[in-house]
C-alpha atoms as a PDB file:
ATOM      1  CA  MET A   1     -13.399 -12.750 -27.790  1.00  0.00           C
ATOM      2  CA  ALA A   2     -10.806 -11.351 -25.378  1.00  0.00           C
ATOM      3  CA  LYS A   3     -10.476 -13.213 -22.087  1.00  0.00           C
ATOM      4  CA  ILE A   4      -9.928 -11.573 -18.683  1.00  0.00           C
ATOM      5  CA  VAL A   5      -8.784 -13.744 -15.794  1.00  0.00           C
ATOM      6  CA  ILE A   6      -9.185 -12.685 -12.182  1.00  0.00           C
ATOM      7  CA  ALA A   7      -6.318 -14.468 -10.412  1.00  0.00           C
ATOM      8  CA  THR A   8      -6.616 -13.839  -6.673  1.00  0.00           C
ATOM      9  CA  ASP A   9      -5.508 -16.075  -3.846  1.00  0.00           C
ATOM     10  CA  LYS A  10      -7.329 -13.527  -1.638  1.00  0.00           C
ATOM     11  CA  PRO A  11     -10.624 -13.211  -3.521  1.00  0.00           C
ATOM     12  CA  PHE A  12     -12.518 -10.043  -4.232  1.00  0.00           C
ATOM     13  CA  ALA A  13     -15.869  -9.659  -2.513  1.00  0.00           C
ATOM     14  CA  ALA A  14     -18.730 -11.200  -4.465  1.00  0.00           C
ATOM     15  CA  VAL A  15     -20.183  -7.777  -5.233  1.00  0.00           C
ATOM     16  CA  ALA A  16     -16.829  -6.688  -6.659  1.00  0.00           C
ATOM     17  CA  VAL A  17     -16.666  -9.770  -8.910  1.00  0.00           C
ATOM     18  CA  LYS A  18     -20.202  -9.008 -10.075  1.00  0.00           C
ATOM     19  CA  GLY A  19     -19.168  -5.461 -10.987  1.00  0.00           C
ATOM     20  CA  ILE A  20     -16.052  -6.680 -12.803  1.00  0.00           C
ATOM     21  CA  ARG A  21     -18.126  -9.227 -14.718  1.00  0.00           C
ATOM     22  CA  GLU A  22     -20.606  -6.544 -15.783  1.00  0.00           C
ATOM     23  CA  VAL A  23     -17.806  -4.348 -17.111  1.00  0.00           C
ATOM     24  CA  ALA A  24     -16.155  -7.248 -18.946  1.00  0.00           C
ATOM     25  CA  GLU A  25     -19.298  -8.759 -20.466  1.00  0.00           C
ATOM     26  CA  THR A  26     -20.725  -5.378 -21.467  1.00  0.00           C
ATOM     27  CA  ALA A  27     -17.531  -4.892 -23.457  1.00  0.00           C
ATOM     28  CA  GLY A  28     -17.994  -8.322 -25.071  1.00  0.00           C
ATOM     29  CA  PHE A  29     -15.189 -10.003 -23.136  1.00  0.00           C
ATOM     30  CA  GLU A  30     -15.095 -13.347 -21.380  1.00  0.00           C
ATOM     31  CA  LEU A  31     -14.353 -13.444 -17.636  1.00  0.00           C
ATOM     32  CA  ALA A  32     -12.770 -16.378 -15.784  1.00  0.00           C
ATOM     33  CA  LEU A  33     -12.053 -16.748 -12.065  1.00  0.00           C
ATOM     34  CA  LEU A  34      -9.109 -18.325 -10.281  1.00  0.00           C
ATOM     35  CA  GLU A  35      -9.722 -17.790  -6.570  1.00  0.00           C
ATOM     36  CA  LYS A  36      -8.016 -19.146  -3.452  1.00  0.00           C
ATOM     37  CA  TYR A  37      -5.504 -21.081  -5.537  1.00  0.00           C
ATOM     38  CA  THR A  38      -2.817 -22.919  -3.604  1.00  0.00           C
ATOM     39  CA  GLU A  39      -0.301 -23.925  -6.280  1.00  0.00           C
ATOM     40  CA  LYS A  40       1.565 -21.804  -8.795  1.00  0.00           C
ATOM     41  CA  ALA A  41       0.750 -24.446 -11.392  1.00  0.00           C
ATOM     42  CA  GLN A  42      -2.902 -23.432 -11.119  1.00  0.00           C
ATOM     43  CA  LEU A  43      -2.012 -19.852 -11.944  1.00  0.00           C
ATOM     44  CA  LEU A  44       0.175 -20.907 -14.864  1.00  0.00           C
ATOM     45  CA  GLU A  45      -2.654 -22.981 -16.302  1.00  0.00           C
ATOM     46  CA  ALA A  46      -5.237 -20.223 -15.843  1.00  0.00           C
ATOM     47  CA  VAL A  47      -3.253 -17.609 -17.781  1.00  0.00           C
ATOM     48  CA  THR A  48      -2.355 -19.735 -20.811  1.00  0.00           C
ATOM     49  CA  ASP A  49      -5.133 -18.227 -22.951  1.00  0.00           C
ATOM     50  CA  ALA A  50      -5.683 -14.964 -21.074  1.00  0.00           C
ATOM     51  CA  ASP A  51      -5.535 -11.592 -22.805  1.00  0.00           C
ATOM     52  CA  ALA A  52      -5.720  -9.739 -19.488  1.00  0.00           C
ATOM     53  CA  VAL A  53      -5.229 -10.569 -15.827  1.00  0.00           C
ATOM     54  CA  ILE A  54      -6.474  -8.812 -12.718  1.00  0.00           C
ATOM     55  CA  ILE A  55      -4.524  -9.497  -9.524  1.00  0.00           C
ATOM     56  CA  ARG A  56      -4.260  -8.259  -5.971  1.00  0.00           C
ATOM     57  CA  SER A  57      -1.145  -9.280  -4.007  1.00  0.00           C
ATOM     58  CA  ASP A  58      -0.481 -12.232  -6.298  1.00  0.00           C
ATOM     59  CA  LYS A  59       3.058 -12.582  -7.671  1.00  0.00           C
ATOM     60  CA  ILE A  60       3.376 -12.355 -11.431  1.00  0.00           C
ATOM     61  CA  ASP A  61       6.927 -13.282 -12.425  1.00  0.00           C
ATOM     62  CA  ALA A  62       8.836 -14.245 -15.568  1.00  0.00           C
ATOM     63  CA  GLU A  63       7.477 -17.793 -15.462  1.00  0.00           C
ATOM     64  CA  VAL A  64       3.908 -16.522 -15.501  1.00  0.00           C
ATOM     65  CA  PHE A  65       4.601 -14.190 -18.424  1.00  0.00           C
ATOM     66  CA  ALA A  66       6.265 -17.027 -20.325  1.00  0.00           C
ATOM     67  CA  ALA A  67       3.185 -19.205 -19.840  1.00  0.00           C
ATOM     68  CA  ALA A  68       0.727 -16.494 -20.887  1.00  0.00           C
ATOM     69  CA  LYS A  69       1.356 -16.379 -24.637  1.00  0.00           C
ATOM     70  CA  GLN A  70      -1.654 -14.155 -25.405  1.00  0.00           C
ATOM     71  CA  LEU A  71      -1.289 -11.816 -22.442  1.00  0.00           C
ATOM     72  CA  LYS A  72      -1.440  -8.116 -23.239  1.00  0.00           C
ATOM     73  CA  ILE A  73      -2.128  -6.459 -19.877  1.00  0.00           C
ATOM     74  CA  VAL A  74      -1.905  -7.113 -16.120  1.00  0.00           C
ATOM     75  CA  VAL A  75      -3.670  -4.792 -13.708  1.00  0.00           C
ATOM     76  CA  ARG A  76      -2.846  -4.800 -10.027  1.00  0.00           C
ATOM     77  CA  ALA A  77      -6.043  -3.810  -8.207  1.00  0.00           C
ATOM     78  CA  GLY A  78      -4.376  -1.443  -5.782  1.00  0.00           C
ATOM     79  CA  ALA A  79      -1.545   1.058  -5.688  1.00  0.00           C
ATOM     80  CA  GLY A  80       1.562  -1.048  -5.040  1.00  0.00           C
ATOM     81  CA  TYR A  81       2.876  -3.228  -7.871  1.00  0.00           C
ATOM     82  CA  ASP A  82       6.178  -4.614  -6.561  1.00  0.00           C
ATOM     83  CA  ASN A  83       4.634  -8.101  -6.804  1.00  0.00           C
ATOM     84  CA  VAL A  84       4.878  -7.873 -10.609  1.00  0.00           C
ATOM     85  CA  ASP A  85       8.163  -8.412 -12.472  1.00  0.00           C
ATOM     86  CA  LEU A  86       8.114  -5.289 -14.625  1.00  0.00           C
ATOM     87  CA  GLU A  87      11.218  -6.203 -16.617  1.00  0.00           C
ATOM     88  CA  ALA A  88       9.719  -9.547 -17.559  1.00  0.00           C
ATOM     89  CA  ALA A  89       6.447  -7.851 -18.470  1.00  0.00           C
ATOM     90  CA  THR A  90       8.218  -5.428 -20.784  1.00  0.00           C
ATOM     91  CA  ALA A  91      10.270  -8.240 -22.315  1.00  0.00           C
ATOM     92  CA  HIS A  92       7.010 -10.042 -23.164  1.00  0.00           C
ATOM     93  CA  ASN A  93       5.380  -6.821 -24.432  1.00  0.00           C
ATOM     94  CA  VAL A  94       2.801  -6.824 -21.623  1.00  0.00           C
ATOM     95  CA  CYS A  95       1.440  -3.597 -20.196  1.00  0.00           C
ATOM     96  CA  VAL A  96       1.280  -3.439 -16.381  1.00  0.00           C
ATOM     97  CA  MET A  97      -1.034  -1.000 -14.605  1.00  0.00           C
ATOM     98  CA  ASN A  98      -2.124  -0.261 -11.066  1.00  0.00           C
ATOM     99  CA  THR A  99      -5.328   1.428  -9.886  1.00  0.00           C
ATOM    100  CA  PRO A 100      -4.048   4.465  -7.959  1.00  0.00           C
ATOM    101  CA  GLY A 101      -6.414   6.156  -5.552  1.00  0.00           C
ATOM    102  CA  GLN A 102      -9.014   3.406  -5.285  1.00  0.00           C
ATOM    103  CA  ASN A 103      -7.781   2.153  -1.891  1.00  0.00           C
ATOM    104  CA  SER A 104      -6.527   5.470  -0.587  1.00  0.00           C
ATOM    105  CA  ASN A 105      -9.260   6.346   1.878  1.00  0.00           C
ATOM    106  CA  ALA A 106      -9.326   2.811   3.266  1.00  0.00           C
ATOM    107  CA  VAL A 107      -5.596   2.904   3.992  1.00  0.00           C
ATOM    108  CA  ALA A 108      -5.792   6.399   5.463  1.00  0.00           C
ATOM    109  CA  GLU A 109      -8.583   5.399   7.832  1.00  0.00           C
ATOM    110  CA  LEU A 110      -6.521   2.406   8.967  1.00  0.00           C
ATOM    111  CA  VAL A 111      -3.640   4.772   9.771  1.00  0.00           C
ATOM    112  CA  PHE A 112      -5.857   6.544  12.268  1.00  0.00           C
ATOM    113  CA  GLY A 113      -7.349   3.360  13.628  1.00  0.00           C
ATOM    114  CA  MET A 114      -3.854   2.184  14.537  1.00  0.00           C
ATOM    115  CA  LEU A 115      -2.767   5.652  15.627  1.00  0.00           C
ATOM    116  CA  VAL A 116      -5.573   6.060  18.170  1.00  0.00           C
ATOM    117  CA  PHE A 117      -4.858   2.507  19.360  1.00  0.00           C
ATOM    118  CA  GLY A 118      -1.187   3.336  19.853  1.00  0.00           C
ATOM    119  CA  ALA A 119      -1.746   6.783  21.327  1.00  0.00           C
ATOM    120  CA  ARG A 120      -4.025   5.231  23.964  1.00  0.00           C
ATOM    121  CA  ASN A 121      -1.424   2.584  24.882  1.00  0.00           C
ATOM    122  CA  PHE A 122      -3.280  -0.245  23.140  1.00  0.00           C
ATOM    123  CA  PHE A 123      -6.272   0.396  25.422  1.00  0.00           C
ATOM    124  CA  ASN A 124      -4.455  -1.163  28.371  1.00  0.00           C
ATOM    125  CA  GLY A 125      -6.060   1.131  30.927  1.00  0.00           C
ATOM    126  CA  THR A 126      -3.154   3.550  31.346  1.00  0.00           C
ATOM    127  CA  SER A 127      -3.134   7.229  30.391  1.00  0.00           C
ATOM    128  CA  GLY A 128      -2.307   7.838  26.749  1.00  0.00           C
ATOM    129  CA  ILE A 129      -2.060  10.978  24.667  1.00  0.00           C
ATOM    130  CA  GLU A 130      -4.466  12.965  22.512  1.00  0.00           C
ATOM    131  CA  LEU A 131      -3.841  13.630  18.829  1.00  0.00           C
ATOM    132  CA  LYS A 132      -5.052  17.222  18.852  1.00  0.00           C
ATOM    133  CA  GLY A 133      -2.125  19.599  18.505  1.00  0.00           C
ATOM    134  CA  LYS A 134       0.388  16.844  17.735  1.00  0.00           C
ATOM    135  CA  ARG A 135       2.688  17.121  14.703  1.00  0.00           C
ATOM    136  CA  LEU A 136       2.042  14.451  12.080  1.00  0.00           C
ATOM    137  CA  GLY A 137       4.606  13.875   9.330  1.00  0.00           C
ATOM    138  CA  ILE A 138       3.562  12.234   6.068  1.00  0.00           C
ATOM    139  CA  LEU A 139       6.392  10.635   4.098  1.00  0.00           C
ATOM    140  CA  ALA A 140       5.259  10.619   0.438  1.00  0.00           C
ATOM    141  CA  TYR A 141       2.330  12.856  -0.399  1.00  0.00           C
ATOM    142  CA  GLY A 142       0.425  10.736  -2.904  1.00  0.00           C
ATOM    143  CA  ASN A 143      -3.202   9.651  -2.894  1.00  0.00           C
ATOM    144  CA  VAL A 144      -2.991   7.988   0.527  1.00  0.00           C
ATOM    145  CA  GLY A 145      -0.876  10.758   1.999  1.00  0.00           C
ATOM    146  CA  ARG A 146      -3.390  13.400   0.997  1.00  0.00           C
ATOM    147  CA  ASN A 147      -6.221  11.440   2.589  1.00  0.00           C
ATOM    148  CA  VAL A 148      -4.164  11.068   5.768  1.00  0.00           C
ATOM    149  CA  ALA A 149      -3.666  14.843   5.789  1.00  0.00           C
ATOM    150  CA  ARG A 150      -7.402  15.420   5.358  1.00  0.00           C
ATOM    151  CA  ILE A 151      -8.291  13.192   8.301  1.00  0.00           C
ATOM    152  CA  ALA A 152      -5.488  14.585  10.463  1.00  0.00           C
ATOM    153  CA  LYS A 153      -6.856  18.089  10.099  1.00  0.00           C
ATOM    154  CA  GLY A 154     -10.142  16.814  11.507  1.00  0.00           C
ATOM    155  CA  PHE A 155      -8.259  15.679  14.612  1.00  0.00           C
ATOM    156  CA  GLY A 156      -6.746  19.156  14.933  1.00  0.00           C
ATOM    157  CA  MET A 157      -3.220  17.966  14.207  1.00  0.00           C
ATOM    158  CA  GLU A 158      -0.397  19.998  12.684  1.00  0.00           C
ATOM    159  CA  VAL A 159       0.361  18.293   9.381  1.00  0.00           C
ATOM    160  CA  TYR A 160       3.766  18.181   7.693  1.00  0.00           C
ATOM    161  CA  ALA A 161       4.863  16.296   4.576  1.00  0.00           C
ATOM    162  CA  TYR A 162       7.885  15.447   2.493  1.00  0.00           C
ATOM    163  CA  ASP A 163       7.813  14.040  -1.015  1.00  0.00           C
ATOM    164  CA  ALA A 164      10.822  14.137  -3.316  1.00  0.00           C
ATOM    165  CA  PHE A 165       8.530  14.126  -6.370  1.00  0.00           C
ATOM    166  CA  PHE A 166       5.673  16.365  -5.202  1.00  0.00           C
ATOM    167  CA  PRO A 167       6.297  20.134  -5.345  1.00  0.00           C
ATOM    168  CA  ALA A 168       6.498  21.810  -1.949  1.00  0.00           C
ATOM    169  CA  GLU A 169       4.315  24.639  -3.246  1.00  0.00           C
ATOM    170  CA  ALA A 170       1.520  22.198  -4.088  1.00  0.00           C
ATOM    171  CA  ILE A 171       1.755  20.636  -0.619  1.00  0.00           C
ATOM    172  CA  GLU A 172       1.564  24.065   1.023  1.00  0.00           C
ATOM    173  CA  LYS A 173      -1.480  24.995  -1.065  1.00  0.00           C
ATOM    174  CA  GLU A 174      -3.352  22.152   0.621  1.00  0.00           C
ATOM    175  CA  GLY A 175      -2.699  23.556   4.078  1.00  0.00           C
ATOM    176  CA  VAL A 176       0.151  21.153   4.837  1.00  0.00           C
ATOM    177  CA  LYS A 177       3.618  22.302   5.854  1.00  0.00           C
ATOM    178  CA  ALA A 178       6.287  21.046   3.448  1.00  0.00           C
ATOM    179  CA  VAL A 179       9.751  20.161   4.751  1.00  0.00           C
ATOM    180  CA  LYS A 180      12.945  19.708   2.748  1.00  0.00           C
ATOM    181  CA  SER A 181      13.912  16.137   3.613  1.00  0.00           C
ATOM    182  CA  ALA A 182      12.843  12.938   5.330  1.00  0.00           C
ATOM    183  CA  ALA A 183      15.309  13.784   8.113  1.00  0.00           C
ATOM    184  CA  ASP A 184      13.568  17.130   8.679  1.00  0.00           C
ATOM    185  CA  LEU A 185      10.237  15.322   8.859  1.00  0.00           C
ATOM    186  CA  PHE A 186      11.471  12.877  11.527  1.00  0.00           C
ATOM    187  CA  LYS A 187      13.135  15.666  13.514  1.00  0.00           C
ATOM    188  CA  THR A 188      10.003  17.811  13.445  1.00  0.00           C
ATOM    189  CA  CYS A 189       7.136  15.382  13.953  1.00  0.00           C
ATOM    190  CA  GLN A 190       6.273  13.152  16.876  1.00  0.00           C
ATOM    191  CA  ILE A 191       4.188  10.916  14.619  1.00  0.00           C
ATOM    192  CA  ILE A 192       5.280   9.662  11.181  1.00  0.00           C
ATOM    193  CA  SER A 193       3.046   7.938   8.640  1.00  0.00           C
ATOM    194  CA  LEU A 194       4.917   6.096   5.872  1.00  0.00           C
ATOM    195  CA  HIS A 195       3.550   5.973   2.326  1.00  0.00           C
ATOM    196  CA  ILE A 196       6.658   5.408   0.221  1.00  0.00           C
ATOM    197  CA  PRO A 197       6.800   2.571  -2.334  1.00  0.00           C
ATOM    198  CA  ALA A 198       9.370  -0.217  -2.148  1.00  0.00           C
ATOM    199  CA  THR A 199      12.026   0.755  -4.693  1.00  0.00           C
ATOM    200  CA  ALA A 200      15.781   0.333  -4.913  1.00  0.00           C
ATOM    201  CA  GLU A 201      16.109   3.770  -3.326  1.00  0.00           C
ATOM    202  CA  THR A 202      13.598   3.299  -0.507  1.00  0.00           C
ATOM    203  CA  LYS A 203      14.210  -0.281   0.630  1.00  0.00           C
ATOM    204  CA  GLY A 204      15.724  -0.124   4.121  1.00  0.00           C
ATOM    205  CA  SER A 205      15.661   3.668   4.012  1.00  0.00           C
ATOM    206  CA  ILE A 206      13.860   3.987   7.352  1.00  0.00           C
ATOM    207  CA  ASN A 207      17.053   3.408   9.292  1.00  0.00           C
ATOM    208  CA  PHE A 208      18.315   3.945  12.823  1.00  0.00           C
ATOM    209  CA  GLU A 209      19.397   7.518  12.163  1.00  0.00           C
ATOM    210  CA  LEU A 210      15.935   8.545  11.016  1.00  0.00           C
ATOM    211  CA  LEU A 211      14.170   6.676  13.804  1.00  0.00           C
ATOM    212  CA  ASN A 212      16.471   8.212  16.389  1.00  0.00           C
ATOM    213  CA  PHE A 213      15.616  11.696  15.123  1.00  0.00           C
ATOM    214  CA  LEU A 214      12.048  11.294  16.425  1.00  0.00           C
ATOM    215  CA  PRO A 215      11.088  13.531  19.333  1.00  0.00           C
ATOM    216  CA  LYS A 216      10.254  11.887  22.642  1.00  0.00           C
ATOM    217  CA  GLY A 217       7.143   9.728  22.451  1.00  0.00           C
ATOM    218  CA  GLY A 218       7.583   9.109  18.737  1.00  0.00           C
ATOM    219  CA  ILE A 219       5.219   6.841  16.822  1.00  0.00           C
ATOM    220  CA  VAL A 220       5.898   5.385  13.358  1.00  0.00           C
ATOM    221  CA  ILE A 221       3.008   3.942  11.361  1.00  0.00           C
ATOM    222  CA  ASN A 222       3.794   1.858   8.292  1.00  0.00           C
ATOM    223  CA  THR A 223       0.944   1.031   5.907  1.00  0.00           C
ATOM    224  CA  ALA A 224       3.275   1.170   2.899  1.00  0.00           C
ATOM    225  CA  ARG A 225       5.671  -1.739   2.403  1.00  0.00           C
ATOM    226  CA  LYS A 226       7.624  -3.978   4.791  1.00  0.00           C
ATOM    227  CA  GLU A 227      10.817  -3.559   2.785  1.00  0.00           C
ATOM    228  CA  VAL A 228      11.180   0.173   3.448  1.00  0.00           C
ATOM    229  CA  ILE A 229      12.024  -0.559   7.097  1.00  0.00           C
ATOM    230  CA  ASP A 230      15.543  -1.558   8.159  1.00  0.00           C
ATOM    231  CA  GLU A 231      14.311  -4.138  10.666  1.00  0.00           C
ATOM    232  CA  SER A 232      17.590  -4.428  12.570  1.00  0.00           C
ATOM    233  CA  ALA A 233      17.578  -0.650  12.960  1.00  0.00           C
ATOM    234  CA  LEU A 234      13.960  -0.779  14.127  1.00  0.00           C
ATOM    235  CA  ALA A 235      14.811  -3.350  16.786  1.00  0.00           C
ATOM    236  CA  LYS A 236      17.769  -1.256  17.926  1.00  0.00           C
ATOM    237  CA  ALA A 237      15.678   1.915  18.101  1.00  0.00           C
ATOM    238  CA  LEU A 238      12.940   0.240  20.137  1.00  0.00           C
ATOM    239  CA  SER A 239      15.599  -1.202  22.465  1.00  0.00           C
ATOM    240  CA  GLU A 240      17.426   2.064  23.010  1.00  0.00           C
ATOM    241  CA  ARG A 241      14.375   4.347  22.962  1.00  0.00           C
ATOM    242  CA  PRO A 242      11.698   3.043  25.372  1.00  0.00           C
ATOM    243  CA  ASP A 243       9.527   5.990  24.352  1.00  0.00           C
ATOM    244  CA  LEU A 244       9.088   4.842  20.735  1.00  0.00           C
ATOM    245  CA  LYS A 245       6.237   2.851  19.184  1.00  0.00           C
ATOM    246  CA  TYR A 246       5.941   1.070  15.844  1.00  0.00           C
ATOM    247  CA  LEU A 247       2.549   0.209  14.325  1.00  0.00           C
ATOM    248  CA  THR A 248       2.099  -1.546  11.001  1.00  0.00           C
ATOM    249  CA  ASP A 249      -0.186  -3.614   8.819  1.00  0.00           C
ATOM    250  CA  ILE A 250       2.779  -5.367   7.169  1.00  0.00           C
ATOM    251  CA  ARG A 251       4.126  -7.981   9.557  1.00  0.00           C
ATOM    252  CA  PRO A 252       7.944  -7.711   9.860  1.00  0.00           C
ATOM    253  CA  ASP A 253      10.235 -10.707   9.555  1.00  0.00           C
ATOM    254  CA  ILE A 254      11.194 -10.068  13.213  1.00  0.00           C
ATOM    255  CA  HIS A 255       7.568  -9.991  14.365  1.00  0.00           C
ATOM    256  CA  ALA A 256       8.036 -12.671  17.031  1.00  0.00           C
ATOM    257  CA  ASP A 257      10.986 -10.870  18.618  1.00  0.00           C
ATOM    258  CA  LEU A 258       9.229  -7.508  18.599  1.00  0.00           C
ATOM    259  CA  THR A 259       6.088  -9.011  20.098  1.00  0.00           C
ATOM    260  CA  ALA A 260       8.062 -10.712  22.864  1.00  0.00           C
ATOM    261  CA  ASN A 261      10.243  -7.719  23.707  1.00  0.00           C
ATOM    262  CA  TYR A 262       7.939  -4.739  23.134  1.00  0.00           C
ATOM    263  CA  PRO A 263       4.335  -5.889  23.544  1.00  0.00           C
ATOM    264  CA  ASP A 264       3.251  -2.459  24.748  1.00  0.00           C
ATOM    265  CA  ARG A 265       5.036  -0.528  21.971  1.00  0.00           C
ATOM    266  CA  TYR A 266       4.725  -2.698  18.870  1.00  0.00           C
ATOM    267  CA  PHE A 267       1.638  -3.786  16.946  1.00  0.00           C
ATOM    268  CA  SER A 268       1.115  -5.546  13.630  1.00  0.00           C
ATOM    269  CA  THR A 269      -2.054  -6.779  12.005  1.00  0.00           C
ATOM    270  CA  PRO A 270      -2.013 -10.492  11.042  1.00  0.00           C
ATOM    271  CA  LYS A 271      -1.802  -9.589   7.349  1.00  0.00           C
ATOM    272  CA  LYS A 272      -1.723  -6.480   5.180  1.00  0.00           C
ATOM    273  CA  THR A 273      -5.140  -4.987   5.668  1.00  0.00           C
ATOM    274  CA  GLY A 274      -5.024  -1.370   4.516  1.00  0.00           C
ATOM    275  CA  ALA A 275      -7.242  -1.988   1.518  1.00  0.00           C
ATOM    276  CA  GLN A 276      -9.459  -4.559   3.216  1.00  0.00           C
ATOM    277  CA  THR A 277     -12.746  -2.709   3.128  1.00  0.00           C
ATOM    278  CA  ALA A 278     -15.808  -3.530   1.079  1.00  0.00           C
ATOM    279  CA  GLU A 279     -15.632  -0.157  -0.634  1.00  0.00           C
ATOM    280  CA  ALA A 280     -11.952  -0.365  -1.591  1.00  0.00           C
ATOM    281  CA  ASN A 281     -12.380  -3.953  -2.742  1.00  0.00           C
ATOM    282  CA  ILE A 282     -15.170  -2.954  -5.104  1.00  0.00           C
ATOM    283  CA  ASN A 283     -13.552   0.276  -6.299  1.00  0.00           C
ATOM    284  CA  ALA A 284     -10.177  -1.272  -7.150  1.00  0.00           C
ATOM    285  CA  GLY A 285     -11.647  -4.322  -8.867  1.00  0.00           C
ATOM    286  CA  ILE A 286     -14.031  -2.388 -11.077  1.00  0.00           C
ATOM    287  CA  ALA A 287     -11.355   0.204 -11.877  1.00  0.00           C
ATOM    288  CA  ALA A 288      -9.047  -2.631 -12.967  1.00  0.00           C
ATOM    289  CA  ALA A 289     -11.700  -4.026 -15.300  1.00  0.00           C
ATOM    290  CA  GLU A 290     -12.469  -0.609 -16.765  1.00  0.00           C
ATOM    291  CA  GLN A 291      -8.768   0.055 -17.394  1.00  0.00           C
ATOM    292  CA  ILE A 292      -8.418  -3.296 -19.177  1.00  0.00           C
ATOM    293  CA  VAL A 293     -11.386  -2.594 -21.434  1.00  0.00           C
ATOM    294  CA  ASP A 294     -10.098   0.890 -22.242  1.00  0.00           C
ATOM    295  CA  PHE A 295      -6.641  -0.485 -23.010  1.00  0.00           C
ATOM    296  CA  LEU A 296      -7.779  -3.372 -25.200  1.00  0.00           C
ATOM    297  CA  LYS A 297     -10.371  -1.317 -27.083  1.00  0.00           C
ATOM    298  CA  ASN A 298      -8.698   2.112 -27.205  1.00  0.00           C
ATOM    299  CA  GLY A 299      -5.040   1.611 -26.324  1.00  0.00           C
ATOM    300  CA  ASN A 300      -5.307   3.863 -23.246  1.00  0.00           C
ATOM    301  CA  GLU A 301      -2.134   3.394 -21.157  1.00  0.00           C
ATOM    302  CA  ARG A 302      -2.792   6.123 -18.590  1.00  0.00           C
ATOM    303  CA  PHE A 303      -1.859   4.064 -15.533  1.00  0.00           C
ATOM    304  CA  ARG A 304       0.966   2.076 -17.117  1.00  0.00           C
ATOM    305  CA  VAL A 305       3.866   1.474 -14.701  1.00  0.00           C
ATOM    306  CA  ASN A 306       6.359  -0.371 -16.933  1.00  0.00           C
END
């Protein structure tokens, strides 16, 4: 009997675990839980006889793969997978997948929760701005980006996007204006929503030059990854441009300094919270279980990322 381990220091909702268990047991698999663990040793012990592992933001590195002698597949319940060592996974012949699209609406709604908060000056009683008629730029037009575009149209915003891997013609077909570069996006749009992954090419790519391209009153919203921001450049931009705001659900390393110096122009949630809805929690967890069953029974590698 194949064994699936849910290894989550931030547990799934109980209803999500129930759904995962139903998928696993219907397929004839065993399900084990490792929740709220505090030591890596606990994770290493839990995976020793696992055929499959479902994780959230948990780090799966070479040591974990070395300990998991039977492991065949790891599924990250969510879109980002930079917390998994893909080279080590491949070296140990382990398939790594994500669950693209399952958290997309949740993240997109958070973008607008923070955007309204920022546009209204953090509800401090002063006059803010309205979103209607404003130009919104979406950097990376994937599942989340498309949901952001959908919601933005409801606000009456002008929506622009740039994605190096998504054809401009396809973007235009969805009623979104495609631009030719990230620089064009920052020059054109007062508000930028970031949805790029953390890769060798994107880490630190949101630099001072890009930030300084923003029109007056610019707002940057980051629900992607902390690493894509050049934090020294961000601090410099906020210092030199008192009209700029930065809103994120990934707390920067320089959070304390930004909070002290720009309390009316900087906001971060206590922890990454884009996917923290009951619906996204359930959707991603069950999708992960279904992908594992399909892989182990049928060899389906549709969402493989390594």
